[in-house]
Amino acid sequence: MGKQMTEMLKGTLEGIVLALLAEQPAYGYEITARLREHGFTDIAEGTIYALLVRIEQKSLVDVEKVPSEKGPPRKVYSLNAQGSQELEEFWKSWSFLARQIEQLNKTNNKEN
């Protein structure tokens, strides 16, 4: 993944993870695996765990400790009402940005 893509992802990864949690609750490794299924193959697990700490501190998710067959209990994250509101705001911002960028792209392609 190029530097430009990495920088773009930094600004959107929280929204992407919230969108995944809106589909279904998950623990850290599951979230990483689902991101990879969606083509985000270069995202490190550590990045996801750090992000999960942040969204938990911001009260965007509810956390339930679930027993694990392998080792300590897993923290399962589920989107709560505040997280849903944040996700809705993310999609509004994303739609606006996507429209504006696409408009710039069309303008630049006409000039070239």
N, C-alpha and C. Protein backbone atom coordinates (compact mmCIF):
# COMPACT_ATOMS: atom_id res chain seq x y z
N MET A 1 0.85 -1.17 0.00
CA MET A 1 0.00 0.00 0.00
C MET A 1 0.89 1.23 0.00
N GLY A 2 0.56 2.19 -0.84
CA GLY A 2 1.36 3.39 -0.95
C GLY A 2 1.13 4.34 0.21
N LYS A 3 2.05 5.29 0.35
CA LYS A 3 1.99 6.27 1.44
C LYS A 3 0.69 7.08 1.40
N GLN A 4 0.25 7.43 0.18
CA GLN A 4 -0.97 8.22 0.05
C GLN A 4 -2.18 7.44 0.57
N MET A 5 -2.26 6.15 0.23
CA MET A 5 -3.36 5.31 0.70
C MET A 5 -3.32 5.16 2.22
N THR A 6 -2.14 4.99 2.76
CA THR A 6 -1.99 4.86 4.22
C THR A 6 -2.50 6.12 4.91
N GLU A 7 -2.14 7.27 4.38
CA GLU A 7 -2.58 8.54 4.98
C GLU A 7 -4.10 8.69 4.89
N MET A 8 -4.69 8.31 3.76
CA MET A 8 -6.14 8.40 3.60
C MET A 8 -6.84 7.47 4.58
N LEU A 9 -6.30 6.28 4.75
CA LEU A 9 -6.90 5.31 5.67
C LEU A 9 -6.89 5.80 7.11
N LYS A 10 -5.84 6.53 7.50
CA LYS A 10 -5.75 7.04 8.87
C LYS A 10 -6.98 7.86 9.23
N GLY A 11 -7.47 8.61 8.28
CA GLY A 11 -8.62 9.47 8.53
C GLY A 11 -9.96 8.76 8.45
N THR A 12 -9.97 7.57 7.90
CA THR A 12 -11.25 6.90 7.69
C THR A 12 -11.39 5.56 8.42
N LEU A 13 -10.30 5.06 8.98
CA LEU A 13 -10.32 3.72 9.56
C LEU A 13 -11.32 3.58 10.70
N GLU A 14 -11.44 4.62 11.52
CA GLU A 14 -12.42 4.56 12.61
C GLU A 14 -13.82 4.34 12.06
N GLY A 15 -14.19 5.09 11.05
CA GLY A 15 -15.51 4.94 10.44
C GLY A 15 -15.70 3.57 9.81
N ILE A 16 -14.64 3.05 9.20
CA ILE A 16 -14.71 1.73 8.58
C ILE A 16 -14.96 0.66 9.65
N VAL A 17 -14.24 0.76 10.76
CA VAL A 17 -14.42 -0.22 11.85
C VAL A 17 -15.82 -0.09 12.46
N LEU A 18 -16.29 1.13 12.63
CA LEU A 18 -17.65 1.32 13.16
C LEU A 18 -18.67 0.69 12.20
N ALA A 19 -18.44 0.83 10.91
CA ALA A 19 -19.36 0.23 9.92
C ALA A 19 -19.35 -1.29 10.04
N LEU A 20 -18.19 -1.89 10.24
CA LEU A 20 -18.11 -3.34 10.43
C LEU A 20 -18.85 -3.77 11.70
N LEU A 21 -18.70 -2.98 12.76
CA LEU A 21 -19.38 -3.31 14.02
C LEU A 21 -20.88 -3.09 13.93
N ALA A 22 -21.31 -2.22 13.02
CA ALA A 22 -22.75 -2.02 12.80
C ALA A 22 -23.35 -3.28 12.19
N GLU A 23 -22.56 -4.00 11.40
CA GLU A 23 -23.03 -5.25 10.80
C GLU A 23 -23.18 -6.34 11.85
N GLN A 24 -22.17 -6.45 12.73
CA GLN A 24 -22.23 -7.44 13.81
C GLN A 24 -21.09 -7.20 14.79
N PRO A 25 -21.33 -7.50 16.08
CA PRO A 25 -20.27 -7.37 17.09
C PRO A 25 -19.09 -8.28 16.74
N ALA A 26 -17.91 -7.90 17.21
CA ALA A 26 -16.72 -8.70 16.92
C ALA A 26 -15.61 -8.37 17.91
N TYR A 27 -14.65 -9.27 18.00
CA TYR A 27 -13.45 -9.00 18.80
C TYR A 27 -12.33 -8.59 17.84
N GLY A 28 -11.22 -8.13 18.40
CA GLY A 28 -10.16 -7.52 17.61
C GLY A 28 -9.70 -8.31 16.40
N TYR A 29 -9.36 -9.57 16.60
CA TYR A 29 -8.86 -10.37 15.48
C TYR A 29 -9.93 -10.54 14.40
N GLU A 30 -11.19 -10.71 14.81
CA GLU A 30 -12.29 -10.84 13.83
C GLU A 30 -12.40 -9.57 12.99
N ILE A 31 -12.24 -8.43 13.63
CA ILE A 31 -12.33 -7.15 12.91
C ILE A 31 -11.21 -7.07 11.88
N THR A 32 -10.00 -7.44 12.30
CA THR A 32 -8.87 -7.43 11.37
C THR A 32 -9.13 -8.38 10.19
N ALA A 33 -9.64 -9.56 10.48
CA ALA A 33 -9.92 -10.54 9.42
C ALA A 33 -10.99 -10.00 8.47
N ARG A 34 -12.03 -9.37 9.01
CA ARG A 34 -13.09 -8.83 8.15
C ARG A 34 -12.56 -7.68 7.30
N LEU A 35 -11.68 -6.86 7.86
CA LEU A 35 -11.06 -5.79 7.06
C LEU A 35 -10.29 -6.40 5.89
N ARG A 36 -9.57 -7.46 6.16
CA ARG A 36 -8.80 -8.12 5.10
C ARG A 36 -9.72 -8.70 4.04
N GLU A 37 -10.85 -9.25 4.46
CA GLU A 37 -11.84 -9.76 3.49
C GLU A 37 -12.34 -8.66 2.57
N HIS A 38 -12.38 -7.43 3.10
CA HIS A 38 -12.84 -6.28 2.32
C HIS A 38 -11.71 -5.61 1.54
N GLY A 39 -10.54 -6.25 1.52
CA GLY A 39 -9.44 -5.73 0.72
C GLY A 39 -8.43 -4.87 1.45
N PHE A 40 -8.63 -4.63 2.73
CA PHE A 40 -7.69 -3.84 3.52
C PHE A 40 -6.64 -4.78 4.10
N THR A 41 -5.78 -5.28 3.23
CA THR A 41 -4.86 -6.36 3.61
C THR A 41 -3.62 -5.89 4.35
N ASP A 42 -3.27 -4.63 4.25
CA ASP A 42 -2.02 -4.14 4.85
C ASP A 42 -2.19 -3.50 6.22
N ILE A 43 -3.37 -3.60 6.79
CA ILE A 43 -3.59 -2.99 8.10
C ILE A 43 -3.11 -3.95 9.19
N ALA A 44 -2.22 -3.46 10.02
CA ALA A 44 -1.64 -4.29 11.09
C ALA A 44 -2.65 -4.48 12.23
N GLU A 45 -2.59 -5.65 12.84
CA GLU A 45 -3.47 -5.93 13.97
C GLU A 45 -3.31 -4.90 15.08
N GLY A 46 -2.06 -4.49 15.32
CA GLY A 46 -1.80 -3.50 16.37
C GLY A 46 -2.52 -2.19 16.13
N THR A 47 -2.65 -1.81 14.87
CA THR A 47 -3.37 -0.59 14.51
C THR A 47 -4.83 -0.71 14.93
N ILE A 48 -5.41 -1.88 14.70
CA ILE A 48 -6.82 -2.11 15.04
C ILE A 48 -7.01 -2.10 16.55
N TYR A 49 -6.11 -2.74 17.27
CA TYR A 49 -6.25 -2.77 18.73
C TYR A 49 -6.13 -1.37 19.33
N ALA A 50 -5.23 -0.56 18.81
CA ALA A 50 -5.10 0.82 19.28
C ALA A 50 -6.38 1.61 18.98
N LEU A 51 -6.93 1.39 17.80
CA LEU A 51 -8.18 2.07 17.42
C LEU A 51 -9.33 1.63 18.32
N LEU A 52 -9.38 0.34 18.66
CA LEU A 52 -10.45 -0.17 19.54
C LEU A 52 -10.37 0.47 20.93
N VAL A 53 -9.16 0.68 21.42
CA VAL A 53 -9.00 1.36 22.70
C VAL A 53 -9.57 2.78 22.61
N ARG A 54 -9.25 3.47 21.52
CA ARG A 54 -9.75 4.85 21.34
C ARG A 54 -11.27 4.91 21.25
N ILE A 55 -11.88 4.01 20.46
CA ILE A 55 -13.34 4.11 20.33
C ILE A 55 -14.04 3.65 21.61
N GLU A 56 -13.38 2.80 22.38
CA GLU A 56 -13.94 2.43 23.69
C GLU A 56 -13.86 3.63 24.63
N GLN A 57 -12.74 4.35 24.63
CA GLN A 57 -12.58 5.53 25.48
C GLN A 57 -13.55 6.63 25.09
N LYS A 58 -13.90 6.70 23.80
CA LYS A 58 -14.85 7.70 23.32
C LYS A 58 -16.30 7.26 23.53
N SER A 59 -16.50 6.08 24.14
CA SER A 59 -17.83 5.52 24.42
C SER A 59 -18.66 5.28 23.17
N LEU A 60 -18.02 4.84 22.08
CA LEU A 60 -18.73 4.57 20.85
C LEU A 60 -19.15 3.11 20.73
N VAL A 61 -18.63 2.28 21.63
CA VAL A 61 -18.92 0.86 21.62
C VAL A 61 -19.21 0.36 23.03
N ASP A 62 -19.93 -0.73 23.09
CA ASP A 62 -20.08 -1.47 24.34
C ASP A 62 -19.14 -2.65 24.25
N VAL A 63 -18.57 -3.03 25.39
CA VAL A 63 -17.60 -4.12 25.41
C VAL A 63 -18.07 -5.20 26.37
N GLU A 64 -18.03 -6.43 25.89
CA GLU A 64 -18.41 -7.58 26.71
C GLU A 64 -17.25 -8.56 26.69
N LYS A 65 -16.85 -9.01 27.87
CA LYS A 65 -15.79 -10.02 27.93
C LYS A 65 -16.44 -11.39 27.80
N VAL A 66 -15.97 -12.13 26.79
CA VAL A 66 -16.53 -13.44 26.48
C VAL A 66 -15.43 -14.48 26.66
N PRO A 67 -15.75 -15.59 27.38
CA PRO A 67 -14.72 -16.63 27.57
C PRO A 67 -14.18 -17.13 26.23
N SER A 68 -12.90 -17.45 26.24
CA SER A 68 -12.23 -17.95 25.05
C SER A 68 -11.70 -19.35 25.31
N GLU A 69 -11.77 -20.19 24.29
CA GLU A 69 -11.21 -21.54 24.42
C GLU A 69 -9.69 -21.48 24.52
N LYS A 70 -9.12 -20.44 23.94
CA LYS A 70 -7.67 -20.29 23.91
C LYS A 70 -7.27 -19.04 24.69
N GLY A 71 -6.94 -19.17 25.94
CA GLY A 71 -6.42 -18.04 26.70
C GLY A 71 -7.47 -17.22 27.42
N PRO A 72 -7.13 -15.96 27.67
CA PRO A 72 -8.00 -15.07 28.45
C PRO A 72 -9.29 -14.72 27.70
N PRO A 73 -10.27 -14.18 28.42
CA PRO A 73 -11.53 -13.79 27.76
C PRO A 73 -11.27 -12.76 26.66
N ARG A 74 -12.11 -12.81 25.64
CA ARG A 74 -12.02 -11.86 24.53
C ARG A 74 -12.95 -10.68 24.80
N LYS A 75 -12.51 -9.52 24.35
CA LYS A 75 -13.36 -8.33 24.43
C LYS A 75 -14.13 -8.25 23.12
N VAL A 76 -15.44 -8.41 23.21
CA VAL A 76 -16.29 -8.31 22.02
C VAL A 76 -16.89 -6.91 22.00
N TYR A 77 -16.70 -6.23 20.89
CA TYR A 77 -17.14 -4.85 20.71
C TYR A 77 -18.44 -4.82 19.93
N SER A 78 -19.39 -4.04 20.42
CA SER A 78 -20.63 -3.83 19.67
C SER A 78 -20.93 -2.34 19.65
N LEU A 79 -21.48 -1.90 18.54
CA LEU A 79 -21.79 -0.50 18.35
C LEU A 79 -22.95 -0.11 19.27
N ASN A 80 -22.80 0.99 19.99
CA ASN A 80 -23.90 1.47 20.83
C ASN A 80 -24.56 2.68 20.14
N ALA A 81 -25.51 3.31 20.83
CA ALA A 81 -26.25 4.42 20.23
C ALA A 81 -25.32 5.57 19.84
N GLN A 82 -24.37 5.90 20.71
CA GLN A 82 -23.44 6.99 20.41
C GLN A 82 -22.55 6.62 19.21
N GLY A 83 -22.15 5.36 19.13
CA GLY A 83 -21.36 4.90 18.00
C GLY A 83 -22.15 4.94 16.70
N SER A 84 -23.43 4.59 16.79
CA SER A 84 -24.29 4.65 15.60
C SER A 84 -24.42 6.08 15.10
N GLN A 85 -24.53 7.00 16.03
CA GLN A 85 -24.63 8.41 15.68
C GLN A 85 -23.32 8.89 15.02
N GLU A 86 -22.20 8.45 15.57
CA GLU A 86 -20.88 8.79 15.00
C GLU A 86 -20.74 8.21 13.60
N LEU A 87 -21.22 6.98 13.41
CA LEU A 87 -21.16 6.33 12.11
C LEU A 87 -22.02 7.07 11.09
N GLU A 88 -23.19 7.49 11.51
CA GLU A 88 -24.07 8.26 10.62
C GLU A 88 -23.38 9.55 10.18
N GLU A 89 -22.71 10.21 11.11
CA GLU A 89 -21.98 11.44 10.80
C GLU A 89 -20.81 11.14 9.86
N PHE A 90 -20.14 10.01 10.07
CA PHE A 90 -19.05 9.59 9.19
C PHE A 90 -19.56 9.43 7.76
N TRP A 91 -20.70 8.74 7.58
CA TRP A 91 -21.23 8.52 6.23
C TRP A 91 -21.63 9.83 5.57
N LYS A 92 -22.18 10.77 6.34
CA LYS A 92 -22.52 12.08 5.76
C LYS A 92 -21.26 12.79 5.27
N SER A 93 -20.24 12.78 6.11
CA SER A 93 -18.97 13.42 5.74
C SER A 93 -18.36 12.72 4.54
N TRP A 94 -18.39 11.40 4.55
CA TRP A 94 -17.82 10.62 3.44
C TRP A 94 -18.55 10.94 2.13
N SER A 95 -19.85 10.98 2.17
CA SER A 95 -20.63 11.28 0.96
C SER A 95 -20.29 12.65 0.41
N PHE A 96 -20.19 13.63 1.30
CA PHE A 96 -19.83 14.99 0.88
C PHE A 96 -18.45 14.99 0.22
N LEU A 97 -17.47 14.40 0.90
CA LEU A 97 -16.11 14.37 0.37
C LEU A 97 -16.04 13.63 -0.97
N ALA A 98 -16.71 12.50 -1.05
CA ALA A 98 -16.69 11.71 -2.28
C ALA A 98 -17.27 12.50 -3.45
N ARG A 99 -18.38 13.21 -3.20
CA ARG A 99 -18.98 14.04 -4.26
C ARG A 99 -18.02 15.14 -4.71
N GLN A 100 -17.41 15.81 -3.75
CA GLN A 100 -16.53 16.93 -4.08
C GLN A 100 -15.28 16.44 -4.82
N ILE A 101 -14.73 15.33 -4.37
CA ILE A 101 -13.53 14.79 -5.02
C ILE A 101 -13.86 14.31 -6.43
N GLU A 102 -15.00 13.66 -6.58
CA GLU A 102 -15.41 13.19 -7.91
C GLU A 102 -15.64 14.37 -8.85
N GLN A 103 -16.20 15.44 -8.33
CA GLN A 103 -16.41 16.63 -9.14
C GLN A 103 -15.07 17.21 -9.60
N LEU A 104 -14.10 17.26 -8.69
CA LEU A 104 -12.76 17.73 -9.05
C LEU A 104 -12.12 16.81 -10.09
N ASN A 105 -12.31 15.53 -9.93
CA ASN A 105 -11.76 14.55 -10.86
C ASN A 105 -12.34 14.75 -12.26
N LYS A 106 -13.65 14.95 -12.33
CA LYS A 106 -14.30 15.17 -13.64
C LYS A 106 -13.79 16.46 -14.28
N THR A 107 -13.65 17.50 -13.48
CA THR A 107 -13.15 18.78 -13.99
C THR A 107 -11.74 18.61 -14.52
N ASN A 108 -10.89 17.94 -13.77
CA ASN A 108 -9.49 17.74 -14.19
C ASN A 108 -9.41 16.87 -15.43
N ASN A 109 -10.26 15.87 -15.55
CA ASN A 109 -10.23 15.00 -16.73
C ASN A 109 -10.69 15.73 -17.98
N LYS A 110 -11.59 16.70 -17.85
CA LYS A 110 -12.04 17.48 -19.01
C LYS A 110 -10.92 18.38 -19.50
N GLU A 111 -10.11 18.90 -18.56
CA GLU A 111 -9.04 19.82 -18.92
C GLU A 111 -7.86 19.11 -19.55
N ASN A 112 -7.68 17.84 -19.27
CA ASN A 112 -6.52 17.10 -19.77
C ASN A 112 -6.77 16.42 -21.08
